[in-house]
Amino acid sequence: MASGKELMALLPRLSDLVKREEIQVNKLVTDAIRTKGVKKILTELERELKGLDDIAMDVLSSLAVGRHVLIMGPVGVGKTTLAESLAEILHVSEPPHISRSHATAT
């Protein structure tokens, strides 16, 4: 029977399991837009936000080519809701923060 030290030696170390890698958020967003398609994204967005098609198209156009977007306007016009909805539709609200060598990314 193996001793406690021998068993511990067989277990992977946490630093071996968790590897920190840079997340290419621009690439995630660009790929998501190309995969899903602008028309489908706008349709899904219209269910939650009415009347922001032109603004949403401007935001998607900028994101699709890897540009940063600054949304400005008065309180209550839907800036945060637009950003949160797009992140949810594009599935980037929960990026793979940690990748593990012995499991799939979370």
PDB file of N, CA and C in Angstrom:
ATOM      1  N   MET A   1       0.842  -1.178   0.000  1.00  0.00           N
ATOM      2  CA  MET A   1       0.000   0.000   0.000  1.00  0.00           C
ATOM      3  C   MET A   1       0.889   1.244   0.000  1.00  0.00           C
ATOM      4  N   ALA A   2       0.491   2.248  -0.748  1.00  0.00           N
ATOM      5  CA  ALA A   2       1.290   3.463  -0.886  1.00  0.00           C
ATOM      6  C   ALA A   2       1.141   4.341   0.346  1.00  0.00           C
ATOM      7  N   SER A   3       2.219   5.027   0.678  1.00  0.00           N
ATOM      8  CA  SER A   3       2.183   5.938   1.821  1.00  0.00           C
ATOM      9  C   SER A   3       1.524   7.249   1.404  1.00  0.00           C
ATOM     10  N   GLY A   4       1.252   8.098   2.409  1.00  0.00           N
ATOM     11  CA  GLY A   4       0.647   9.404   2.138  1.00  0.00           C
ATOM     12  C   GLY A   4       1.495  10.258   1.220  1.00  0.00           C
ATOM     13  N   LYS A   5       2.820  10.215   1.406  1.00  0.00           N
ATOM     14  CA  LYS A   5       3.711  11.010   0.562  1.00  0.00           C
ATOM     15  C   LYS A   5       3.687  10.511  -0.880  1.00  0.00           C
ATOM     16  N   GLU A   6       3.631   9.202  -1.036  1.00  0.00           N
ATOM     17  CA  GLU A   6       3.601   8.630  -2.389  1.00  0.00           C
ATOM     18  C   GLU A   6       2.298   9.002  -3.102  1.00  0.00           C
ATOM     19  N   LEU A   7       1.187   8.977  -2.352  1.00  0.00           N
ATOM     20  CA  LEU A   7      -0.095   9.371  -2.935  1.00  0.00           C
ATOM     21  C   LEU A   7      -0.092  10.841  -3.320  1.00  0.00           C
ATOM     22  N   MET A   8       0.460  11.679  -2.463  1.00  0.00           N
ATOM     23  CA  MET A   8       0.536  13.119  -2.753  1.00  0.00           C
ATOM     24  C   MET A   8       1.384  13.387  -3.991  1.00  0.00           C
ATOM     25  N   ALA A   9       2.431  12.589  -4.174  1.00  0.00           N
ATOM     26  CA  ALA A   9       3.308  12.761  -5.328  1.00  0.00           C
ATOM     27  C   ALA A   9       2.570  12.426  -6.627  1.00  0.00           C
ATOM     28  N   LEU A  10       1.568  11.554  -6.555  1.00  0.00           N
ATOM     29  CA  LEU A  10       0.804  11.163  -7.743  1.00  0.00           C
ATOM     30  C   LEU A  10      -0.224  12.208  -8.153  1.00  0.00           C
ATOM     31  N   LEU A  11      -0.661  13.023  -7.197  1.00  0.00           N
ATOM     32  CA  LEU A  11      -1.665  14.046  -7.479  1.00  0.00           C
ATOM     33  C   LEU A  11      -1.027  15.235  -8.193  1.00  0.00           C
ATOM     34  N   PRO A  12      -1.735  15.801  -9.161  1.00  0.00           N
ATOM     35  CA  PRO A  12      -1.189  16.990  -9.826  1.00  0.00           C
ATOM     36  C   PRO A  12      -1.208  18.194  -8.893  1.00  0.00           C
ATOM     37  N   ARG A  13      -0.258  19.086  -9.076  1.00  0.00           N
ATOM     38  CA  ARG A  13      -0.231  20.320  -8.293  1.00  0.00           C
ATOM     39  C   ARG A  13      -1.208  21.316  -8.906  1.00  0.00           C
ATOM     40  N   LEU A  14      -1.728  22.188  -8.073  1.00  0.00           N
ATOM     41  CA  LEU A  14      -2.676  23.189  -8.555  1.00  0.00           C
ATOM     42  C   LEU A  14      -2.063  24.033  -9.661  1.00  0.00           C
ATOM     43  N   SER A  15      -0.796  24.399  -9.510  1.00  0.00           N
ATOM     44  CA  SER A  15      -0.147  25.232 -10.533  1.00  0.00           C
ATOM     45  C   SER A  15      -0.023  24.499 -11.866  1.00  0.00           C
ATOM     46  N   ASP A  16      -0.033  23.168 -11.839  1.00  0.00           N
ATOM     47  CA  ASP A  16      -0.003  22.401 -13.079  1.00  0.00           C
ATOM     48  C   ASP A  16      -1.383  22.344 -13.737  1.00  0.00           C
ATOM     49  N   LEU A  17      -2.426  22.398 -12.919  1.00  0.00           N
ATOM     50  CA  LEU A  17      -3.790  22.317 -13.436  1.00  0.00           C
ATOM     51  C   LEU A  17      -4.290  23.638 -13.991  1.00  0.00           C
ATOM     52  N   VAL A  18      -3.925  24.721 -13.344  1.00  0.00           N
ATOM     53  CA  VAL A  18      -4.416  26.037 -13.734  1.00  0.00           C
ATOM     54  C   VAL A  18      -3.332  26.787 -14.485  1.00  0.00           C
ATOM     55  N   LYS A  19      -3.637  27.107 -15.716  1.00  0.00           N
ATOM     56  CA  LYS A  19      -2.699  27.886 -16.516  1.00  0.00           C
ATOM     57  C   LYS A  19      -3.387  29.191 -16.892  1.00  0.00           C
ATOM     58  N   ARG A  20      -2.723  30.260 -16.646  1.00  0.00           N
ATOM     59  CA  ARG A  20      -3.283  31.560 -16.997  1.00  0.00           C
ATOM     60  C   ARG A  20      -2.812  31.929 -18.384  1.00  0.00           C
ATOM     61  N   GLU A  21      -3.769  32.141 -19.245  1.00  0.00           N
ATOM     62  CA  GLU A  21      -3.471  32.509 -20.614  1.00  0.00           C
ATOM     63  C   GLU A  21      -4.214  33.797 -20.954  1.00  0.00           C
ATOM     64  N   GLU A  22      -3.625  34.591 -21.796  1.00  0.00           N
ATOM     65  CA  GLU A  22      -4.266  35.823 -22.204  1.00  0.00           C
ATOM     66  C   GLU A  22      -5.513  35.502 -23.025  1.00  0.00           C
ATOM     67  N   ILE A  23      -6.588  36.192 -22.731  1.00  0.00           N
ATOM     68  CA  ILE A  23      -7.832  35.993 -23.465  1.00  0.00           C
ATOM     69  C   ILE A  23      -7.926  37.079 -24.528  1.00  0.00           C
ATOM     70  N   GLN A  24      -8.068  36.679 -25.761  1.00  0.00           N
ATOM     71  CA  GLN A  24      -8.196  37.607 -26.883  1.00  0.00           C
ATOM     72  C   GLN A  24      -9.673  37.983 -27.044  1.00  0.00           C
ATOM     73  N   VAL A  25     -10.132  38.938 -26.230  1.00  0.00           N
ATOM     74  CA  VAL A  25     -11.545  39.307 -26.219  1.00  0.00           C
ATOM     75  C   VAL A  25     -11.974  39.833 -27.585  1.00  0.00           C
ATOM     76  N   ASN A  26     -11.143  40.638 -28.237  1.00  0.00           N
ATOM     77  CA  ASN A  26     -11.500  41.152 -29.560  1.00  0.00           C
ATOM     78  C   ASN A  26     -11.789  40.011 -30.525  1.00  0.00           C
ATOM     79  N   LYS A  27     -10.967  38.979 -30.475  1.00  0.00           N
ATOM     80  CA  LYS A  27     -11.154  37.825 -31.362  1.00  0.00           C
ATOM     81  C   LYS A  27     -12.430  37.064 -30.999  1.00  0.00           C
ATOM     82  N   LEU A  28     -12.701  36.900 -29.708  1.00  0.00           N
ATOM     83  CA  LEU A  28     -13.946  36.240 -29.289  1.00  0.00           C
ATOM     84  C   LEU A  28     -15.167  36.974 -29.831  1.00  0.00           C
ATOM     85  N   VAL A  29     -15.152  38.295 -29.705  1.00  0.00           N
ATOM     86  CA  VAL A  29     -16.276  39.109 -30.155  1.00  0.00           C
ATOM     87  C   VAL A  29     -16.404  39.048 -31.671  1.00  0.00           C
ATOM     88  N   THR A  30     -15.307  39.232 -32.369  1.00  0.00           N
ATOM     89  CA  THR A  30     -15.318  39.206 -33.837  1.00  0.00           C
ATOM     90  C   THR A  30     -15.812  37.858 -34.348  1.00  0.00           C
ATOM     91  N   ASP A  31     -15.291  36.778 -33.793  1.00  0.00           N
ATOM     92  CA  ASP A  31     -15.721  35.431 -34.208  1.00  0.00           C
ATOM     93  C   ASP A  31     -17.197  35.206 -33.921  1.00  0.00           C
ATOM     94  N   ALA A  32     -17.668  35.685 -32.769  1.00  0.00           N
ATOM     95  CA  ALA A  32     -19.074  35.518 -32.404  1.00  0.00           C
ATOM     96  C   ALA A  32     -19.985  36.267 -33.375  1.00  0.00           C
ATOM     97  N   ILE A  33     -19.595  37.462 -33.774  1.00  0.00           N
ATOM     98  CA  ILE A  33     -20.401  38.248 -34.723  1.00  0.00           C
ATOM     99  C   ILE A  33     -20.446  37.540 -36.073  1.00  0.00           C
ATOM    100  N   ARG A  34     -19.302  37.065 -36.528  1.00  0.00           N
ATOM    101  CA  ARG A  34     -19.254  36.387 -37.834  1.00  0.00           C
ATOM    102  C   ARG A  34     -20.019  35.067 -37.806  1.00  0.00           C
ATOM    103  N   THR A  35     -19.925  34.347 -36.706  1.00  0.00           N
ATOM    104  CA  THR A  35     -20.595  33.053 -36.593  1.00  0.00           C
ATOM    105  C   THR A  35     -22.106  33.216 -36.509  1.00  0.00           C
ATOM    106  N   LYS A  36     -22.551  34.116 -35.674  1.00  0.00           N
ATOM    107  CA  LYS A  36     -23.982  34.292 -35.434  1.00  0.00           C
ATOM    108  C   LYS A  36     -24.656  35.074 -36.557  1.00  0.00           C
ATOM    109  N   GLY A  37     -23.969  36.059 -37.094  1.00  0.00           N
ATOM    110  CA  GLY A  37     -24.532  36.894 -38.152  1.00  0.00           C
ATOM    111  C   GLY A  37     -25.220  38.126 -37.599  1.00  0.00           C
ATOM    112  N   VAL A  38     -25.010  39.238 -38.258  1.00  0.00           N
ATOM    113  CA  VAL A  38     -25.525  40.522 -37.794  1.00  0.00           C
ATOM    114  C   VAL A  38     -27.050  40.528 -37.744  1.00  0.00           C
ATOM    115  N   LYS A  39     -27.697  39.965 -38.758  1.00  0.00           N
ATOM    116  CA  LYS A  39     -29.157  39.981 -38.809  1.00  0.00           C
ATOM    117  C   LYS A  39     -29.758  39.239 -37.613  1.00  0.00           C
ATOM    118  N   LYS A  40     -29.200  38.087 -37.275  1.00  0.00           N
ATOM    119  CA  LYS A  40     -29.706  37.311 -36.143  1.00  0.00           C
ATOM    120  C   LYS A  40     -29.448  38.038 -34.822  1.00  0.00           C
ATOM    121  N   ILE A  41     -28.293  38.672 -34.706  1.00  0.00           N
ATOM    122  CA  ILE A  41     -27.964  39.425 -33.488  1.00  0.00           C
ATOM    123  C   ILE A  41     -28.950  40.576 -33.308  1.00  0.00           C
ATOM    124  N   LEU A  42     -29.209  41.310 -34.396  1.00  0.00           N
ATOM    125  CA  LEU A  42     -30.151  42.433 -34.317  1.00  0.00           C
ATOM    126  C   LEU A  42     -31.560  41.960 -33.980  1.00  0.00           C
ATOM    127  N   THR A  43     -31.964  40.809 -34.509  1.00  0.00           N
ATOM    128  CA  THR A  43     -33.281  40.251 -34.208  1.00  0.00           C
ATOM    129  C   THR A  43     -33.392  39.911 -32.724  1.00  0.00           C
ATOM    130  N   GLU A  44     -32.367  39.257 -32.185  1.00  0.00           N
ATOM    131  CA  GLU A  44     -32.371  38.919 -30.758  1.00  0.00           C
ATOM    132  C   GLU A  44     -32.350  40.174 -29.894  1.00  0.00           C
ATOM    133  N   LEU A  45     -31.584  41.165 -30.310  1.00  0.00           N
ATOM    134  CA  LEU A  45     -31.485  42.409 -29.549  1.00  0.00           C
ATOM    135  C   LEU A  45     -32.811  43.173 -29.558  1.00  0.00           C
ATOM    136  N   GLU A  46     -33.517  43.126 -30.675  1.00  0.00           N
ATOM    137  CA  GLU A  46     -34.798  43.835 -30.811  1.00  0.00           C
ATOM    138  C   GLU A  46     -35.833  43.315 -29.823  1.00  0.00           C
ATOM    139  N   ARG A  47     -35.714  42.047 -29.407  1.00  0.00           N
ATOM    140  CA  ARG A  47     -36.650  41.490 -28.422  1.00  0.00           C
ATOM    141  C   ARG A  47     -36.538  42.205 -27.080  1.00  0.00           C
ATOM    142  N   GLU A  48     -35.334  42.664 -26.767  1.00  0.00           N
ATOM    143  CA  GLU A  48     -35.100  43.304 -25.473  1.00  0.00           C
ATOM    144  C   GLU A  48     -35.080  44.827 -25.558  1.00  0.00           C
ATOM    145  N   LEU A  49     -34.534  45.347 -26.623  1.00  0.00           N
ATOM    146  CA  LEU A  49     -34.411  46.805 -26.792  1.00  0.00           C
ATOM    147  C   LEU A  49     -35.059  47.230 -28.102  1.00  0.00           C
ATOM    148  N   LYS A  50     -36.047  48.048 -28.016  1.00  0.00           N
ATOM    149  CA  LYS A  50     -36.752  48.524 -29.210  1.00  0.00           C
ATOM    150  C   LYS A  50     -36.150  49.843 -29.680  1.00  0.00           C
ATOM    151  N   GLY A  51     -36.000  49.971 -30.989  1.00  0.00           N
ATOM    152  CA  GLY A  51     -35.610  51.244 -31.575  1.00  0.00           C
ATOM    153  C   GLY A  51     -34.130  51.580 -31.538  1.00  0.00           C
ATOM    154  N   LEU A  52     -33.277  50.619 -31.211  1.00  0.00           N
ATOM    155  CA  LEU A  52     -31.835  50.902 -31.177  1.00  0.00           C
ATOM    156  C   LEU A  52     -31.082  50.208 -32.317  1.00  0.00           C
ATOM    157  N   ASP A  53     -31.792  49.858 -33.382  1.00  0.00           N
ATOM    158  CA  ASP A  53     -31.159  49.132 -34.487  1.00  0.00           C
ATOM    159  C   ASP A  53     -29.970  49.877 -35.086  1.00  0.00           C
ATOM    160  N   ASP A  54     -30.139  51.183 -35.334  1.00  0.00           N
ATOM    161  CA  ASP A  54     -29.052  51.957 -35.951  1.00  0.00           C
ATOM    162  C   ASP A  54     -27.824  52.005 -35.041  1.00  0.00           C
ATOM    163  N   ILE A  55     -28.064  52.227 -33.765  1.00  0.00           N
ATOM    164  CA  ILE A  55     -26.960  52.284 -32.805  1.00  0.00           C
ATOM    165  C   ILE A  55     -26.311  50.912 -32.667  1.00  0.00           C
ATOM    166  N   ALA A  56     -27.149  49.882 -32.579  1.00  0.00           N
ATOM    167  CA  ALA A  56     -26.629  48.514 -32.467  1.00  0.00           C
ATOM    168  C   ALA A  56     -25.793  48.161 -33.688  1.00  0.00           C
ATOM    169  N   MET A  57     -26.238  48.565 -34.858  1.00  0.00           N
ATOM    170  CA  MET A  57     -25.479  48.298 -36.087  1.00  0.00           C
ATOM    171  C   MET A  57     -24.133  49.006 -36.051  1.00  0.00           C
ATOM    172  N   ASP A  58     -24.098  50.245 -35.562  1.00  0.00           N
ATOM    173  CA  ASP A  58     -22.831  50.970 -35.431  1.00  0.00           C
ATOM    174  C   ASP A  58     -21.888  50.249 -34.467  1.00  0.00           C
ATOM    175  N   VAL A  59     -22.431  49.799 -33.337  1.00  0.00           N
ATOM    176  CA  VAL A  59     -21.620  49.097 -32.338  1.00  0.00           C
ATOM    177  C   VAL A  59     -21.090  47.794 -32.918  1.00  0.00           C
ATOM    178  N   LEU A  60     -21.968  47.009 -33.548  1.00  0.00           N
ATOM    179  CA  LEU A  60     -21.538  45.736 -34.141  1.00  0.00           C
ATOM    180  C   LEU A  60     -20.501  45.940 -35.245  1.00  0.00           C
ATOM    181  N   SER A  61     -20.681  46.973 -36.043  1.00  0.00           N
ATOM    182  CA  SER A  61     -19.709  47.259 -37.116  1.00  0.00           C
ATOM    183  C   SER A  61     -18.329  47.544 -36.540  1.00  0.00           C
ATOM    184  N   SER A  62     -18.295  48.314 -35.481  1.00  0.00           N
ATOM    185  CA  SER A  62     -17.018  48.628 -34.837  1.00  0.00           C
ATOM    186  C   SER A  62     -16.398  47.391 -34.205  1.00  0.00           C
ATOM    187  N   LEU A  63     -17.210  46.620 -33.492  1.00  0.00           N
ATOM    188  CA  LEU A  63     -16.705  45.409 -32.832  1.00  0.00           C
ATOM    189  C   LEU A  63     -16.230  44.374 -33.842  1.00  0.00           C
ATOM    190  N   ALA A  64     -16.923  44.281 -34.977  1.00  0.00           N
ATOM    191  CA  ALA A  64     -16.584  43.277 -35.989  1.00  0.00           C
ATOM    192  C   ALA A  64     -15.196  43.486 -36.579  1.00  0.00           C
ATOM    193  N   VAL A  65     -14.721  44.729 -36.563  1.00  0.00           N
ATOM    194  CA  VAL A  65     -13.379  44.995 -37.095  1.00  0.00           C
ATOM    195  C   VAL A  65     -12.358  45.213 -35.976  1.00  0.00           C
ATOM    196  N   GLY A  66     -12.764  44.869 -34.743  1.00  0.00           N
ATOM    197  CA  GLY A  66     -11.828  44.908 -33.626  1.00  0.00           C
ATOM    198  C   GLY A  66     -11.617  46.265 -32.993  1.00  0.00           C
ATOM    199  N   ARG A  67     -12.527  47.182 -33.214  1.00  0.00           N
ATOM    200  CA  ARG A  67     -12.399  48.513 -32.618  1.00  0.00           C
ATOM    201  C   ARG A  67     -13.103  48.581 -31.280  1.00  0.00           C
ATOM    202  N   HIS A  68     -12.631  49.468 -30.424  1.00  0.00           N
ATOM    203  CA  HIS A  68     -13.276  49.712 -29.144  1.00  0.00           C
ATOM    204  C   HIS A  68     -14.491  50.608 -29.365  1.00  0.00           C
ATOM    205  N   VAL A  69     -15.446  50.498 -28.463  1.00  0.00           N
ATOM    206  CA  VAL A  69     -16.671  51.284 -28.587  1.00  0.00           C
ATOM    207  C   VAL A  69     -16.917  52.022 -27.279  1.00  0.00           C
ATOM    208  N   LEU A  70     -17.216  53.304 -27.386  1.00  0.00           N
ATOM    209  CA  LEU A  70     -17.598  54.121 -26.238  1.00  0.00           C
ATOM    210  C   LEU A  70     -19.034  54.577 -26.478  1.00  0.00           C
ATOM    211  N   ILE A  71     -19.923  54.159 -25.596  1.00  0.00           N
ATOM    212  CA  ILE A  71     -21.338  54.512 -25.732  1.00  0.00           C
ATOM    213  C   ILE A  71     -21.631  55.632 -24.742  1.00  0.00           C
ATOM    214  N   MET A  72     -22.045  56.781 -25.270  1.00  0.00           N
ATOM    215  CA  MET A  72     -22.322  57.947 -24.425  1.00  0.00           C
ATOM    216  C   MET A  72     -23.748  58.402 -24.646  1.00  0.00           C
ATOM    217  N   GLY A  73     -24.319  58.989 -23.604  1.00  0.00           N
ATOM    218  CA  GLY A  73     -25.664  59.528 -23.722  1.00  0.00           C
ATOM    219  C   GLY A  73     -26.238  59.800 -22.355  1.00  0.00           C
ATOM    220  N   PRO A  74     -27.418  60.392 -22.333  1.00  0.00           N
ATOM    221  CA  PRO A  74     -28.045  60.708 -21.049  1.00  0.00           C
ATOM    222  C   PRO A  74     -28.472  59.445 -20.305  1.00  0.00           C
ATOM    223  N   VAL A  75     -28.719  59.616 -19.039  1.00  0.00           N
ATOM    224  CA  VAL A  75     -29.158  58.522 -18.174  1.00  0.00           C
ATOM    225  C   VAL A  75     -30.487  57.972 -18.690  1.00  0.00           C
ATOM    226  N   GLY A  76     -30.589  56.636 -18.702  1.00  0.00           N
ATOM    227  CA  GLY A  76     -31.868  56.008 -18.998  1.00  0.00           C
ATOM    228  C   GLY A  76     -32.170  55.703 -20.449  1.00  0.00           C
ATOM    229  N   VAL A  77     -31.207  55.876 -21.345  1.00  0.00           N
ATOM    230  CA  VAL A  77     -31.495  55.605 -22.758  1.00  0.00           C
ATOM    231  C   VAL A  77     -31.159  54.175 -23.178  1.00  0.00           C
ATOM    232  N   GLY A  78     -30.535  53.391 -22.281  1.00  0.00           N
ATOM    233  CA  GLY A  78     -30.283  51.987 -22.580  1.00  0.00           C
ATOM    234  C   GLY A  78     -28.848  51.619 -22.897  1.00  0.00           C
ATOM    235  N   LYS A  79     -27.903  52.462 -22.523  1.00  0.00           N
ATOM    236  CA  LYS A  79     -26.482  52.191 -22.834  1.00  0.00           C
ATOM    237  C   LYS A  79     -26.010  50.892 -22.188  1.00  0.00           C
ATOM    238  N   THR A  80     -26.243  50.762 -20.898  1.00  0.00           N
ATOM    239  CA  THR A  80     -25.790  49.573 -20.171  1.00  0.00           C
ATOM    240  C   THR A  80     -26.553  48.342 -20.638  1.00  0.00           C
ATOM    241  N   THR A  81     -27.850  48.478 -20.829  1.00  0.00           N
ATOM    242  CA  THR A  81     -28.655  47.346 -21.292  1.00  0.00           C
ATOM    243  C   THR A  81     -28.195  46.887 -22.667  1.00  0.00           C
ATOM    244  N   LEU A  82     -27.861  47.821 -23.532  1.00  0.00           N
ATOM    245  CA  LEU A  82     -27.347  47.474 -24.865  1.00  0.00           C
ATOM    246  C   LEU A  82     -26.052  46.672 -24.746  1.00  0.00           C
ATOM    247  N   ALA A  83     -25.117  47.166 -23.943  1.00  0.00           N
ATOM    248  CA  ALA A  83     -23.829  46.484 -23.774  1.00  0.00           C
ATOM    249  C   ALA A  83     -24.013  45.097 -23.162  1.00  0.00           C
ATOM    250  N   GLU A  84     -24.838  45.003 -22.118  1.00  0.00           N
ATOM    251  CA  GLU A  84     -25.067  43.716 -21.461  1.00  0.00           C
ATOM    252  C   GLU A  84     -25.786  42.735 -22.382  1.00  0.00           C
ATOM    253  N   SER A  85     -26.753  43.231 -23.132  1.00  0.00           N
ATOM    254  CA  SER A  85     -27.492  42.365 -24.049  1.00  0.00           C
ATOM    255  C   SER A  85     -26.588  41.835 -25.156  1.00  0.00           C
ATOM    256  N   LEU A  86     -25.758  42.706 -25.707  1.00  0.00           N
ATOM    257  CA  LEU A  86     -24.830  42.260 -26.753  1.00  0.00           C
ATOM    258  C   LEU A  86     -23.847  41.226 -26.211  1.00  0.00           C
ATOM    259  N   ALA A  87     -23.344  41.449 -25.013  1.00  0.00           N
ATOM    260  CA  ALA A  87     -22.425  40.488 -24.411  1.00  0.00           C
ATOM    261  C   ALA A  87     -23.102  39.136 -24.224  1.00  0.00           C
ATOM    262  N   GLU A  88     -24.358  39.168 -23.813  1.00  0.00           N
ATOM    263  CA  GLU A  88     -25.095  37.914 -23.618  1.00  0.00           C
ATOM    264  C   GLU A  88     -25.375  37.226 -24.952  1.00  0.00           C
ATOM    265  N   ILE A  89     -25.817  37.982 -25.944  1.00  0.00           N
ATOM    266  CA  ILE A  89     -26.119  37.417 -27.261  1.00  0.00           C
ATOM    267  C   ILE A  89     -24.864  36.832 -27.905  1.00  0.00           C
ATOM    268  N   LEU A  90     -23.737  37.510 -27.728  1.00  0.00           N
ATOM    269  CA  LEU A  90     -22.473  37.052 -28.327  1.00  0.00           C
ATOM    270  C   LEU A  90     -21.761  36.017 -27.461  1.00  0.00           C
ATOM    271  N   HIS A  91     -22.340  35.714 -26.304  1.00  0.00           N
ATOM    272  CA  HIS A  91     -21.761  34.735 -25.371  1.00  0.00           C
ATOM    273  C   HIS A  91     -20.355  35.120 -24.912  1.00  0.00           C
ATOM    274  N   VAL A  92     -20.140  36.406 -24.682  1.00  0.00           N
ATOM    275  CA  VAL A  92     -18.850  36.845 -24.149  1.00  0.00           C
ATOM    276  C   VAL A  92     -18.978  37.383 -22.731  1.00  0.00           C
ATOM    277  N   SER A  93     -20.176  37.243 -22.161  1.00  0.00           N
ATOM    278  CA  SER A  93     -20.347  37.701 -20.786  1.00  0.00           C
ATOM    279  C   SER A  93     -19.692  36.739 -19.805  1.00  0.00           C
ATOM    280  N   GLU A  94     -19.406  35.507 -20.251  1.00  0.00           N
ATOM    281  CA  GLU A  94     -18.725  34.524 -19.417  1.00  0.00           C
ATOM    282  C   GLU A  94     -17.580  33.904 -20.204  1.00  0.00           C
ATOM    283  N   PRO A  95     -16.502  34.649 -20.418  1.00  0.00           N
ATOM    284  CA  PRO A  95     -15.390  34.094 -21.201  1.00  0.00           C
ATOM    285  C   PRO A  95     -14.664  32.987 -20.441  1.00  0.00           C
ATOM    286  N   PRO A  96     -13.882  32.180 -21.130  1.00  0.00           N
ATOM    287  CA  PRO A  96     -13.136  31.099 -20.473  1.00  0.00           C
ATOM    288  C   PRO A  96     -11.958  31.674 -19.692  1.00  0.00           C
ATOM    289  N   HIS A  97     -12.203  32.040 -18.438  1.00  0.00           N
ATOM    290  CA  HIS A  97     -11.166  32.679 -17.632  1.00  0.00           C
ATOM    291  C   HIS A  97     -10.002  31.747 -17.327  1.00  0.00           C
ATOM    292  N   ILE A  98     -10.289  30.471 -17.132  1.00  0.00           N
ATOM    293  CA  ILE A  98      -9.244  29.531 -16.726  1.00  0.00           C
ATOM    294  C   ILE A  98      -9.269  28.334 -17.655  1.00  0.00           C
ATOM    295  N   SER A  99      -8.114  27.950 -18.152  1.00  0.00           N
ATOM    296  CA  SER A  99      -8.055  26.704 -18.896  1.00  0.00           C
ATOM    297  C   SER A  99      -7.225  25.728 -18.094  1.00  0.00           C
ATOM    298  N   ARG A 100      -7.638  24.499 -18.115  1.00  0.00           N
ATOM    299  CA  ARG A 100      -6.954  23.477 -17.338  1.00  0.00           C
ATOM    300  C   ARG A 100      -6.331  22.462 -18.283  1.00  0.00           C
ATOM    301  N   SER A 101      -5.193  21.943 -17.892  1.00  0.00           N
ATOM    302  CA  SER A 101      -4.503  21.006 -18.764  1.00  0.00           C
ATOM    303  C   SER A 101      -5.183  19.651 -18.812  1.00  0.00           C
ATOM    304  N   HIS A 102      -5.939  19.273 -17.776  1.00  0.00           N
ATOM    305  CA  HIS A 102      -6.563  17.961 -17.733  1.00  0.00           C
ATOM    306  C   HIS A 102      -8.074  18.015 -17.921  1.00  0.00           C
ATOM    307  N   ALA A 103      -8.623  19.193 -18.244  1.00  0.00           N
ATOM    308  CA  ALA A 103     -10.059  19.334 -18.413  1.00  0.00           C
ATOM    309  C   ALA A 103     -10.327  20.395 -19.455  1.00  0.00           C
ATOM    310  N   THR A 104     -11.593  20.546 -19.809  1.00  0.00           N
ATOM    311  CA  THR A 104     -11.953  21.568 -20.771  1.00  0.00           C
ATOM    312  C   THR A 104     -11.977  22.920 -20.091  1.00  0.00           C
ATOM    313  N   ALA A 105     -11.923  23.976 -20.885  1.00  0.00           N
ATOM    314  CA  ALA A 105     -11.950  25.334 -20.321  1.00  0.00           C
ATOM    315  C   ALA A 105     -13.302  25.594 -19.702  1.00  0.00           C
ATOM    316  N   THR A 106     -13.314  26.416 -18.639  1.00  0.00           N
ATOM    317  CA  THR A 106     -14.577  26.760 -17.983  1.00  0.00           C
ATOM    318  C   THR A 106     -15.075  28.072 -18.486  1.00  0.00           C
TER     319      THR A 106
END
